Structures are given as structure tokens and as C-alpha cells.
PDB file of N, CA and C in Angstrom:
ATOM      1  N   MET A   1      19.476 -34.955   2.245  1.00  0.00           N
ATOM      2  CA  MET A   1      18.235 -35.206   2.907  1.00  0.00           C
ATOM      3  C   MET A   1      17.455 -33.881   2.872  1.00  0.00           C
ATOM      4  N   ALA A   2      16.149 -33.943   2.639  1.00  0.00           N
ATOM      5  CA  ALA A   2      15.269 -32.781   2.599  1.00  0.00           C
ATOM      6  C   ALA A   2      15.397 -32.088   3.955  1.00  0.00           C
ATOM      7  N   PHE A   3      15.081 -30.754   3.801  1.00  0.00           N
ATOM      8  CA  PHE A   3      15.075 -29.912   5.086  1.00  0.00           C
ATOM      9  C   PHE A   3      13.887 -29.087   5.039  1.00  0.00           C
ATOM     10  N   GLN A   4      13.238 -28.997   6.270  1.00  0.00           N
ATOM     11  CA  GLN A   4      11.983 -28.252   6.342  1.00  0.00           C
ATOM     12  C   GLN A   4      11.887 -27.266   7.324  1.00  0.00           C
ATOM     13  N   LEU A   5      11.077 -26.173   6.929  1.00  0.00           N
ATOM     14  CA  LEU A   5      10.722 -25.121   7.923  1.00  0.00           C
ATOM     15  C   LEU A   5       9.229 -25.295   8.179  1.00  0.00           C
ATOM     16  N   ILE A   6       8.905 -25.515   9.401  1.00  0.00           N
ATOM     17  CA  ILE A   6       7.385 -25.616   9.698  1.00  0.00           C
ATOM     18  C   ILE A   6       7.015 -24.390  10.479  1.00  0.00           C
ATOM     19  N   VAL A   7       6.002 -23.746  10.020  1.00  0.00           N
ATOM     20  CA  VAL A   7       5.514 -22.528  10.702  1.00  0.00           C
ATOM     21  C   VAL A   7       4.089 -22.669  11.148  1.00  0.00           C
ATOM     22  N   LEU A   8       4.046 -22.433  12.491  1.00  0.00           N
ATOM     23  CA  LEU A   8       2.833 -22.674  13.237  1.00  0.00           C
ATOM     24  C   LEU A   8       2.264 -21.350  13.689  1.00  0.00           C
ATOM     25  N   TYR A   9       1.206 -20.882  13.055  1.00  0.00           N
ATOM     26  CA  TYR A   9       0.589 -19.467  13.376  1.00  0.00           C
ATOM     27  C   TYR A   9      -0.444 -19.576  14.405  1.00  0.00           C
ATOM     28  N   ASN A  10      -0.400 -18.800  15.450  1.00  0.00           N
ATOM     29  CA  ASN A  10      -1.390 -18.782  16.414  1.00  0.00           C
ATOM     30  C   ASN A  10      -2.703 -18.159  15.897  1.00  0.00           C
ATOM     31  N   HIS A  11      -3.787 -18.328  16.507  1.00  0.00           N
ATOM     32  CA  HIS A  11      -5.053 -17.815  16.051  1.00  0.00           C
ATOM     33  C   HIS A  11      -5.052 -16.313  16.268  1.00  0.00           C
ATOM     34  N   PRO A  12      -5.316 -15.627  15.014  1.00  0.00           N
ATOM     35  CA  PRO A  12      -5.286 -14.102  14.919  1.00  0.00           C
ATOM     36  C   PRO A  12      -6.475 -13.523  15.606  1.00  0.00           C
ATOM     37  N   GLU A  13      -6.416 -12.353  15.909  1.00  0.00           N
ATOM     38  CA  GLU A  13      -7.607 -11.632  16.362  1.00  0.00           C
ATOM     39  C   GLU A  13      -8.595 -11.420  15.214  1.00  0.00           C
ATOM     40  N   SER A  14      -8.147 -11.222  14.029  1.00  0.00           N
ATOM     41  CA  SER A  14      -9.056 -11.012  12.883  1.00  0.00           C
ATOM     42  C   SER A  14      -8.588 -12.043  11.888  1.00  0.00           C
ATOM     43  N   THR A  15      -9.300 -13.131  11.681  1.00  0.00           N
ATOM     44  CA  THR A  15      -8.965 -14.158  10.726  1.00  0.00           C
ATOM     45  C   THR A  15      -9.096 -13.604   9.364  1.00  0.00           C
ATOM     46  N   GLU A  16     -10.064 -12.708   9.097  1.00  0.00           N
ATOM     47  CA  GLU A  16     -10.244 -12.024   7.750  1.00  0.00           C
ATOM     48  C   GLU A  16      -8.960 -11.261   7.426  1.00  0.00           C
ATOM     49  N   ALA A  17      -8.552 -10.454   8.276  1.00  0.00           N
ATOM     50  CA  ALA A  17      -7.286  -9.619   7.993  1.00  0.00           C
ATOM     51  C   ALA A  17      -5.999 -10.473   7.784  1.00  0.00           C
ATOM     52  N   PHE A  18      -5.900 -11.506   8.654  1.00  0.00           N
ATOM     53  CA  PHE A  18      -4.833 -12.485   8.613  1.00  0.00           C
ATOM     54  C   PHE A  18      -4.912 -13.170   7.235  1.00  0.00           C
ATOM     55  N   ASP A  19      -6.023 -13.700   6.872  1.00  0.00           N
ATOM     56  CA  ASP A  19      -6.080 -14.528   5.540  1.00  0.00           C
ATOM     57  C   ASP A  19      -5.856 -13.530   4.372  1.00  0.00           C
ATOM     58  N   LYS A  20      -6.250 -12.329   4.401  1.00  0.00           N
ATOM     59  CA  LYS A  20      -6.045 -11.428   3.211  1.00  0.00           C
ATOM     60  C   LYS A  20      -4.533 -11.169   3.024  1.00  0.00           C
ATOM     61  N   HIS A  21      -3.840 -10.909   4.204  1.00  0.00           N
ATOM     62  CA  HIS A  21      -2.437 -10.656   4.064  1.00  0.00           C
ATOM     63  C   HIS A  21      -1.643 -11.920   3.750  1.00  0.00           C
ATOM     64  N   TYR A  22      -1.965 -12.868   4.435  1.00  0.00           N
ATOM     65  CA  TYR A  22      -1.226 -14.214   4.272  1.00  0.00           C
ATOM     66  C   TYR A  22      -1.379 -14.639   2.719  1.00  0.00           C
ATOM     67  N   ASP A  23      -2.714 -14.758   2.262  1.00  0.00           N
ATOM     68  CA  ASP A  23      -2.820 -15.265   1.045  1.00  0.00           C
ATOM     69  C   ASP A  23      -2.429 -14.319  -0.135  1.00  0.00           C
ATOM     70  N   GLY A  24      -2.592 -12.975   0.115  1.00  0.00           N
ATOM     71  CA  GLY A  24      -2.338 -12.081  -0.948  1.00  0.00           C
ATOM     72  C   GLY A  24      -0.869 -11.499  -0.972  1.00  0.00           C
ATOM     73  N   THR A  25      -0.226 -11.628   0.258  1.00  0.00           N
ATOM     74  CA  THR A  25       1.185 -10.916   0.325  1.00  0.00           C
ATOM     75  C   THR A  25       2.177 -11.941   0.807  1.00  0.00           C
ATOM     76  N   HIS A  26       1.978 -12.593   1.836  1.00  0.00           N
ATOM     77  CA  HIS A  26       3.047 -13.419   2.494  1.00  0.00           C
ATOM     78  C   HIS A  26       3.283 -14.637   1.708  1.00  0.00           C
ATOM     79  N   ALA A  27       2.237 -15.390   1.352  1.00  0.00           N
ATOM     80  CA  ALA A  27       2.450 -16.554   0.562  1.00  0.00           C
ATOM     81  C   ALA A  27       3.091 -16.365  -0.755  1.00  0.00           C
ATOM     82  N   PRO A  28       2.801 -15.313  -1.504  1.00  0.00           N
ATOM     83  CA  PRO A  28       3.533 -15.177  -2.647  1.00  0.00           C
ATOM     84  C   PRO A  28       4.992 -14.782  -2.407  1.00  0.00           C
ATOM     85  N   LEU A  29       5.249 -14.071  -1.329  1.00  0.00           N
ATOM     86  CA  LEU A  29       6.711 -13.784  -0.937  1.00  0.00           C
ATOM     87  C   LEU A  29       7.352 -15.154  -0.683  1.00  0.00           C
ATOM     88  N   ALA A  30       6.806 -15.858   0.203  1.00  0.00           N
ATOM     89  CA  ALA A  30       7.461 -17.270   0.524  1.00  0.00           C
ATOM     90  C   ALA A  30       7.660 -18.157  -0.560  1.00  0.00           C
ATOM     91  N   ALA A  31       6.722 -18.108  -1.578  1.00  0.00           N
ATOM     92  CA  ALA A  31       6.709 -18.960  -2.706  1.00  0.00           C
ATOM     93  C   ALA A  31       7.939 -18.644  -3.716  1.00  0.00           C
ATOM     94  N   ARG A  32       8.506 -17.475  -3.476  1.00  0.00           N
ATOM     95  CA  ARG A  32       9.660 -17.027  -4.301  1.00  0.00           C
ATOM     96  C   ARG A  32      11.099 -17.411  -3.625  1.00  0.00           C
ATOM     97  N   LEU A  33      10.926 -18.011  -2.409  1.00  0.00           N
ATOM     98  CA  LEU A  33      12.342 -18.395  -1.783  1.00  0.00           C
ATOM     99  C   LEU A  33      13.107 -19.170  -2.681  1.00  0.00           C
ATOM    100  N   PRO A  34      14.327 -18.883  -2.787  1.00  0.00           N
ATOM    101  CA  PRO A  34      15.244 -19.669  -3.717  1.00  0.00           C
ATOM    102  C   PRO A  34      15.392 -21.132  -3.361  1.00  0.00           C
ATOM    103  N   GLY A  35      15.202 -22.021  -4.265  1.00  0.00           N
ATOM    104  CA  GLY A  35      15.490 -23.444  -3.854  1.00  0.00           C
ATOM    105  C   GLY A  35      14.281 -24.163  -3.324  1.00  0.00           C
ATOM    106  N   LEU A  36      13.167 -23.508  -3.037  1.00  0.00           N
ATOM    107  CA  LEU A  36      11.990 -24.043  -2.460  1.00  0.00           C
ATOM    108  C   LEU A  36      11.493 -25.239  -3.357  1.00  0.00           C
ATOM    109  N   ARG A  37      11.354 -26.380  -2.808  1.00  0.00           N
ATOM    110  CA  ARG A  37      10.816 -27.520  -3.575  1.00  0.00           C
ATOM    111  C   ARG A  37       9.311 -27.800  -3.334  1.00  0.00           C
ATOM    112  N   SER A  38       8.871 -27.455  -2.079  1.00  0.00           N
ATOM    113  CA  SER A  38       7.397 -27.544  -1.872  1.00  0.00           C
ATOM    114  C   SER A  38       6.997 -26.590  -0.880  1.00  0.00           C
ATOM    115  N   TYR A  39       5.638 -26.238  -0.857  1.00  0.00           N
ATOM    116  CA  TYR A  39       5.283 -25.322   0.159  1.00  0.00           C
ATOM    117  C   TYR A  39       3.700 -25.679   0.296  1.00  0.00           C
ATOM    118  N   THR A  40       3.287 -26.139   1.505  1.00  0.00           N
ATOM    119  CA  THR A  40       1.913 -26.463   1.637  1.00  0.00           C
ATOM    120  C   THR A  40       1.349 -25.755   2.913  1.00  0.00           C
ATOM    121  N   VAL A  41       0.074 -25.471   2.788  1.00  0.00           N
ATOM    122  CA  VAL A  41      -0.547 -24.680   3.908  1.00  0.00           C
ATOM    123  C   VAL A  41      -1.690 -25.486   4.310  1.00  0.00           C
ATOM    124  N   THR A  42      -1.947 -25.530   5.625  1.00  0.00           N
ATOM    125  CA  THR A  42      -3.182 -26.207   6.190  1.00  0.00           C
ATOM    126  C   THR A  42      -3.793 -25.225   7.264  1.00  0.00           C
ATOM    127  N   ARG A  43      -5.118 -25.102   7.111  1.00  0.00           N
ATOM    128  CA  ARG A  43      -5.829 -24.410   8.115  1.00  0.00           C
ATOM    129  C   ARG A  43      -6.634 -25.478   8.886  1.00  0.00           C
ATOM    130  N   PRO A  44      -6.057 -25.925   9.994  1.00  0.00           N
ATOM    131  CA  PRO A  44      -6.615 -27.179  10.656  1.00  0.00           C
ATOM    132  C   PRO A  44      -8.096 -26.837  11.133  1.00  0.00           C
ATOM    133  N   ALA A  45      -8.873 -27.877  10.903  1.00  0.00           N
ATOM    134  CA  ALA A  45     -10.321 -27.875  11.265  1.00  0.00           C
ATOM    135  C   ALA A  45     -10.491 -28.265  12.627  1.00  0.00           C
ATOM    136  N   ALA A  46     -11.520 -27.842  13.389  1.00  0.00           N
ATOM    137  CA  ALA A  46     -11.844 -28.187  14.781  1.00  0.00           C
ATOM    138  C   ALA A  46     -12.091 -29.782  14.789  1.00  0.00           C
ATOM    139  N   GLY A  47     -11.509 -30.416  15.733  1.00  0.00           N
ATOM    140  CA  GLY A  47     -11.687 -31.863  15.946  1.00  0.00           C
ATOM    141  C   GLY A  47     -12.518 -32.166  17.207  1.00  0.00           C
ATOM    142  N   PRO A  48     -12.389 -33.411  17.612  1.00  0.00           N
ATOM    143  CA  PRO A  48     -13.188 -33.787  18.818  1.00  0.00           C
ATOM    144  C   PRO A  48     -12.796 -33.077  20.030  1.00  0.00           C
ATOM    145  N   ALA A  49     -11.605 -32.546  19.976  1.00  0.00           N
ATOM    146  CA  ALA A  49     -11.120 -31.738  21.229  1.00  0.00           C
ATOM    147  C   ALA A  49     -11.412 -30.227  21.136  1.00  0.00           C
ATOM    148  N   GLY A  50     -12.022 -29.937  20.044  1.00  0.00           N
ATOM    149  CA  GLY A  50     -12.476 -28.544  19.897  1.00  0.00           C
ATOM    150  C   GLY A  50     -11.436 -27.769  18.889  1.00  0.00           C
ATOM    151  N   ARG A  51     -11.205 -26.545  19.181  1.00  0.00           N
ATOM    152  CA  ARG A  51     -10.343 -25.718  18.459  1.00  0.00           C
ATOM    153  C   ARG A  51      -8.994 -26.241  18.387  1.00  0.00           C
ATOM    154  N   PRO A  52      -8.455 -26.240  17.210  1.00  0.00           N
ATOM    155  CA  PRO A  52      -7.057 -26.597  17.140  1.00  0.00           C
ATOM    156  C   PRO A  52      -6.079 -25.611  17.757  1.00  0.00           C
ATOM    157  N   PRO A  53      -4.860 -26.007  18.220  1.00  0.00           N
ATOM    158  CA  PRO A  53      -4.001 -25.054  18.837  1.00  0.00           C
ATOM    159  C   PRO A  53      -3.394 -24.040  17.915  1.00  0.00           C
ATOM    160  N   TYR A  54      -3.424 -24.246  16.501  1.00  0.00           N
ATOM    161  CA  TYR A  54      -2.833 -23.266  15.620  1.00  0.00           C
ATOM    162  C   TYR A  54      -3.895 -22.913  14.554  1.00  0.00           C
ATOM    163  N   TYR A  55      -3.839 -21.711  14.067  1.00  0.00           N
ATOM    164  CA  TYR A  55      -4.785 -21.267  12.981  1.00  0.00           C
ATOM    165  C   TYR A  55      -4.304 -21.793  11.589  1.00  0.00           C
ATOM    166  N   LEU A  56      -2.971 -21.729  11.313  1.00  0.00           N
ATOM    167  CA  LEU A  56      -2.397 -22.170  10.125  1.00  0.00           C
ATOM    168  C   LEU A  56      -1.167 -22.874  10.305  1.00  0.00           C
ATOM    169  N   VAL A  57      -0.783 -23.714   9.375  1.00  0.00           N
ATOM    170  CA  VAL A  57       0.434 -24.490   9.521  1.00  0.00           C
ATOM    171  C   VAL A  57       0.972 -24.436   8.099  1.00  0.00           C
ATOM    172  N   ALA A  58       2.178 -23.914   7.988  1.00  0.00           N
ATOM    173  CA  ALA A  58       2.853 -23.976   6.677  1.00  0.00           C
ATOM    174  C   ALA A  58       4.102 -24.854   6.718  1.00  0.00           C
ATOM    175  N   VAL A  59       4.272 -25.650   5.697  1.00  0.00           N
ATOM    176  CA  VAL A  59       5.480 -26.485   5.630  1.00  0.00           C
ATOM    177  C   VAL A  59       6.238 -26.249   4.314  1.00  0.00           C
ATOM    178  N   LEU A  60       7.343 -25.838   4.537  1.00  0.00           N
ATOM    179  CA  LEU A  60       8.315 -25.497   3.355  1.00  0.00           C
ATOM    180  C   LEU A  60       9.417 -26.449   3.256  1.00  0.00           C
ATOM    181  N   THR A  61       9.744 -26.952   2.166  1.00  0.00           N
ATOM    182  CA  THR A  61      10.778 -27.906   1.983  1.00  0.00           C
ATOM    183  C   THR A  61      11.886 -27.611   0.973  1.00  0.00           C
ATOM    184  N   TRP A  62      13.083 -27.726   1.260  1.00  0.00           N
ATOM    185  CA  TRP A  62      14.252 -27.487   0.450  1.00  0.00           C
ATOM    186  C   TRP A  62      14.982 -28.816   0.336  1.00  0.00           C
ATOM    187  N   ASP A  63      15.916 -28.990  -0.624  1.00  0.00           N
ATOM    188  CA  ASP A  63      16.780 -30.154  -0.817  1.00  0.00           C
ATOM    189  C   ASP A  63      17.454 -30.535   0.401  1.00  0.00           C
ATOM    190  N   ASP A  64      18.135 -29.553   0.965  1.00  0.00           N
ATOM    191  CA  ASP A  64      18.955 -29.780   2.158  1.00  0.00           C
ATOM    192  C   ASP A  64      19.084 -28.485   3.038  1.00  0.00           C
ATOM    193  N   GLU A  65      19.773 -28.649   4.152  1.00  0.00           N
ATOM    194  CA  GLU A  65      20.034 -27.496   5.025  1.00  0.00           C
ATOM    195  C   GLU A  65      20.674 -26.340   4.435  1.00  0.00           C
ATOM    196  N   ALA A  66      21.663 -26.596   3.639  1.00  0.00           N
ATOM    197  CA  ALA A  66      22.416 -25.504   2.994  1.00  0.00           C
ATOM    198  C   ALA A  66      21.496 -24.676   2.000  1.00  0.00           C
ATOM    199  N   ALA A  67      20.687 -25.346   1.368  1.00  0.00           N
ATOM    200  CA  ALA A  67      19.682 -24.544   0.457  1.00  0.00           C
ATOM    201  C   ALA A  67      18.737 -23.845   1.236  1.00  0.00           C
ATOM    202  N   PHE A  68      18.225 -24.369   2.393  1.00  0.00           N
ATOM    203  CA  PHE A  68      17.389 -23.496   3.265  1.00  0.00           C
ATOM    204  C   PHE A  68      18.228 -22.284   3.850  1.00  0.00           C
ATOM    205  N   GLY A  69      19.384 -22.503   4.265  1.00  0.00           N
ATOM    206  CA  GLY A  69      20.180 -21.482   4.872  1.00  0.00           C
ATOM    207  C   GLY A  69      20.442 -20.347   3.839  1.00  0.00           C
ATOM    208  N   ALA A  70      20.794 -20.680   2.524  1.00  0.00           N
ATOM    209  CA  ALA A  70      20.970 -19.763   1.633  1.00  0.00           C
ATOM    210  C   ALA A  70      19.743 -18.982   1.250  1.00  0.00           C
ATOM    211  N   ALA A  71      18.576 -19.620   1.180  1.00  0.00           N
ATOM    212  CA  ALA A  71      17.409 -19.039   0.930  1.00  0.00           C
ATOM    213  C   ALA A  71      16.933 -18.014   2.003  1.00  0.00           C
ATOM    214  N   MET A  72      17.129 -18.365   3.261  1.00  0.00           N
ATOM    215  CA  MET A  72      16.774 -17.469   4.342  1.00  0.00           C
ATOM    216  C   MET A  72      17.838 -16.310   4.461  1.00  0.00           C
ATOM    217  N   ALA A  73      18.908 -16.432   4.015  1.00  0.00           N
ATOM    218  CA  ALA A  73      19.954 -15.471   4.185  1.00  0.00           C
ATOM    219  C   ALA A  73      19.901 -14.471   3.089  1.00  0.00           C
ATOM    220  N   GLY A  74      19.269 -14.766   1.999  1.00  0.00           N
ATOM    221  CA  GLY A  74      19.109 -13.919   0.892  1.00  0.00           C
ATOM    222  C   GLY A  74      18.083 -12.856   0.990  1.00  0.00           C
ATOM    223  N   GLU A  75      17.955 -12.067  -0.044  1.00  0.00           N
ATOM    224  CA  GLU A  75      16.954 -10.892  -0.093  1.00  0.00           C
ATOM    225  C   GLU A  75      15.464 -11.392   0.066  1.00  0.00           C
ATOM    226  N   HIS A  76      15.114 -12.488  -0.468  1.00  0.00           N
ATOM    227  CA  HIS A  76      13.777 -13.012  -0.433  1.00  0.00           C
ATOM    228  C   HIS A  76      13.467 -13.557   0.994  1.00  0.00           C
ATOM    229  N   GLY A  77      14.478 -14.179   1.535  1.00  0.00           N
ATOM    230  CA  GLY A  77      14.313 -14.754   2.937  1.00  0.00           C
ATOM    231  C   GLY A  77      14.185 -13.651   3.927  1.00  0.00           C
ATOM    232  N   LYS A  78      14.993 -12.662   3.782  1.00  0.00           N
ATOM    233  CA  LYS A  78      14.809 -11.544   4.689  1.00  0.00           C
ATOM    234  C   LYS A  78      13.569 -10.827   4.567  1.00  0.00           C
ATOM    235  N   ALA A  79      13.074 -10.597   3.332  1.00  0.00           N
ATOM    236  CA  ALA A  79      11.745  -9.875   3.106  1.00  0.00           C
ATOM    237  C   ALA A  79      10.609 -10.711   3.693  1.00  0.00           C
ATOM    238  N   THR A  80      10.721 -12.060   3.519  1.00  0.00           N
ATOM    239  CA  THR A  80       9.601 -12.947   4.001  1.00  0.00           C
ATOM    240  C   THR A  80       9.568 -12.931   5.452  1.00  0.00           C
ATOM    241  N   ALA A  81      10.751 -13.044   6.151  1.00  0.00           N
ATOM    242  CA  ALA A  81      10.827 -12.976   7.623  1.00  0.00           C
ATOM    243  C   ALA A  81      10.303 -11.685   8.117  1.00  0.00           C
ATOM    244  N   ALA A  82      10.673 -10.603   7.535  1.00  0.00           N
ATOM    245  CA  ALA A  82      10.311  -9.229   8.011  1.00  0.00           C
ATOM    246  C   ALA A  82       8.747  -9.000   7.829  1.00  0.00           C
ATOM    247  N   ASP A  83       8.168  -9.635   6.843  1.00  0.00           N
ATOM    248  CA  ASP A  83       6.687  -9.527   6.672  1.00  0.00           C
ATOM    249  C   ASP A  83       5.922 -10.143   7.773  1.00  0.00           C
ATOM    250  N   LEU A  84       6.403 -10.965   8.625  1.00  0.00           N
ATOM    251  CA  LEU A  84       5.656 -11.601   9.639  1.00  0.00           C
ATOM    252  C   LEU A  84       5.070 -10.509  10.528  1.00  0.00           C
ATOM    253  N   ALA A  85       5.842  -9.461  10.824  1.00  0.00           N
ATOM    254  CA  ALA A  85       5.358  -8.436  11.745  1.00  0.00           C
ATOM    255  C   ALA A  85       4.088  -7.739  11.198  1.00  0.00           C
ATOM    256  N   ASN A  86       3.883  -7.903   9.877  1.00  0.00           N
ATOM    257  CA  ASN A  86       2.599  -7.170   9.213  1.00  0.00           C
ATOM    258  C   ASN A  86       1.373  -7.894   9.482  1.00  0.00           C
ATOM    259  N   PHE A  87       1.462  -9.264   9.974  1.00  0.00           N
ATOM    260  CA  PHE A  87       0.129  -9.827  10.120  1.00  0.00           C
ATOM    261  C   PHE A  87       0.086 -11.004  11.150  1.00  0.00           C
ATOM    262  N   ALA A  88       1.308 -11.358  11.695  1.00  0.00           N
ATOM    263  CA  ALA A  88       1.271 -12.391  12.626  1.00  0.00           C
ATOM    264  C   ALA A  88       1.524 -11.998  14.078  1.00  0.00           C
ATOM    265  N   GLY A  89       0.680 -11.017  14.424  1.00  0.00           N
ATOM    266  CA  GLY A  89       0.799 -10.354  15.726  1.00  0.00           C
ATOM    267  C   GLY A  89       0.471 -11.259  16.906  1.00  0.00           C
ATOM    268  N   ALA A  90      -0.355 -12.322  16.623  1.00  0.00           N
ATOM    269  CA  ALA A  90      -0.800 -13.283  17.616  1.00  0.00           C
ATOM    270  C   ALA A  90       0.335 -14.301  18.047  1.00  0.00           C
ATOM    271  N   GLY A  91       1.435 -14.203  17.195  1.00  0.00           N
ATOM    272  CA  GLY A  91       2.561 -15.167  17.594  1.00  0.00           C
ATOM    273  C   GLY A  91       2.677 -16.297  16.523  1.00  0.00           C
ATOM    274  N   VAL A  92       3.878 -16.702  16.362  1.00  0.00           N
ATOM    275  CA  VAL A  92       4.224 -17.696  15.462  1.00  0.00           C
ATOM    276  C   VAL A  92       5.349 -18.523  16.027  1.00  0.00           C
ATOM    277  N   GLU A  93       5.303 -19.806  15.828  1.00  0.00           N
ATOM    278  CA  GLU A  93       6.392 -20.788  16.178  1.00  0.00           C
ATOM    279  C   GLU A  93       7.029 -21.328  14.888  1.00  0.00           C
ATOM    280  N   MET A  94       8.337 -21.435  14.965  1.00  0.00           N
ATOM    281  CA  MET A  94       8.987 -21.954  13.741  1.00  0.00           C
ATOM    282  C   MET A  94       9.853 -23.159  14.174  1.00  0.00           C
ATOM    283  N   LEU A  95       9.713 -24.224  13.342  1.00  0.00           N
ATOM    284  CA  LEU A  95      10.444 -25.387  13.653  1.00  0.00           C
ATOM    285  C   LEU A  95      11.377 -25.709  12.426  1.00  0.00           C
ATOM    286  N   VAL A  96      12.491 -26.084  12.495  1.00  0.00           N
ATOM    287  CA  VAL A  96      13.359 -26.387  11.400  1.00  0.00           C
ATOM    288  C   VAL A  96      14.049 -27.796  11.598  1.00  0.00           C
ATOM    289  N   GLY A  97      14.344 -28.491  10.564  1.00  0.00           N
ATOM    290  CA  GLY A  97      15.098 -29.806  10.761  1.00  0.00           C
ATOM    291  C   GLY A  97      14.957 -30.636   9.470  1.00  0.00           C
ATOM    292  N   PRO A  98      15.787 -31.681   9.515  1.00  0.00           N
ATOM    293  CA  PRO A  98      15.767 -32.649   8.382  1.00  0.00           C
ATOM    294  C   PRO A  98      14.457 -33.412   8.323  1.00  0.00           C
ATOM    295  N   ALA A  99      13.998 -33.701   7.110  1.00  0.00           N
ATOM    296  CA  ALA A  99      12.674 -34.371   6.970  1.00  0.00           C
ATOM    297  C   ALA A  99      12.907 -35.819   6.350  1.00  0.00           C
ATOM    298  N   THR A 100      12.258 -36.741   6.871  1.00  0.00           N
ATOM    299  CA  THR A 100      12.386 -38.038   6.394  1.00  0.00           C
ATOM    300  C   THR A 100      11.045 -38.521   5.859  1.00  0.00           C
ATOM    301  N   ALA A 101      10.930 -38.880   4.672  1.00  0.00           N
ATOM    302  CA  ALA A 101       9.661 -39.498   4.160  1.00  0.00           C
ATOM    303  C   ALA A 101       9.430 -40.938   4.699  1.00  0.00           C
ATOM    304  N   ILE A 102       8.273 -41.200   5.223  1.00  0.00           N
ATOM    305  CA  ILE A 102       7.909 -42.436   5.767  1.00  0.00           C
ATOM    306  C   ILE A 102       7.173 -43.286   4.687  1.00  0.00           C
ATOM    307  N   VAL A 103       6.330 -42.655   3.895  1.00  0.00           N
ATOM    308  CA  VAL A 103       5.512 -43.267   2.739  1.00  0.00           C
ATOM    309  C   VAL A 103       5.773 -42.552   1.521  1.00  0.00           C
TER     310      VAL A 103
END
């Protein structure tokens, strides 16, 4: 069963600085995680309720939990996690778990 890491980034003080680092440094690091099957990023737009609760949502998918664990324990996983301190000062929430496709 597929296994996902969902990363919810709070609104940064400077969206320009955040975007520059995320797009130029962090995303390329994360894209090199071993066994990664898909990696999507959404910058939610304001809706009827106004500003969304998160600035950016990243969804990374592996084949299973073992592949995710191996990726995060390795060199690229440690470097990607350590890089959060360089741009995500406003805070980040991480959710992990099995993913089931509905459609």
C-alpha cells in the first residue's frame, strides 16, 4: 500500500524568500529522496472563508512504509529534513500514513 508524507507549511513572514528557497533548494533536495514515486506541491488559493490555513502543501508518496522509512533515514532524507530550518521558520506540520486511492 502506498505511503505518504504530507507537509503543511505555515504562512511565512516573507513569501518571496520562502518561495526562492523552497523552489530552488528544498524541492530539488526532496525530489532526490530514494524510492519517491510522486511529489506534488499546492499553494492553496484564498477561498470563500479567506486566507487558507497553510501557505504550501507538499505530498510525497512512496510504495510503502518501509521505502519511506529507508528514504528518511538515509543521507538525502537527513539533508532534506535539516534544510527545513533554513526556510520554514513559521512552522510546519508533517503527517504520515498509508494512502488509499479512491478514484
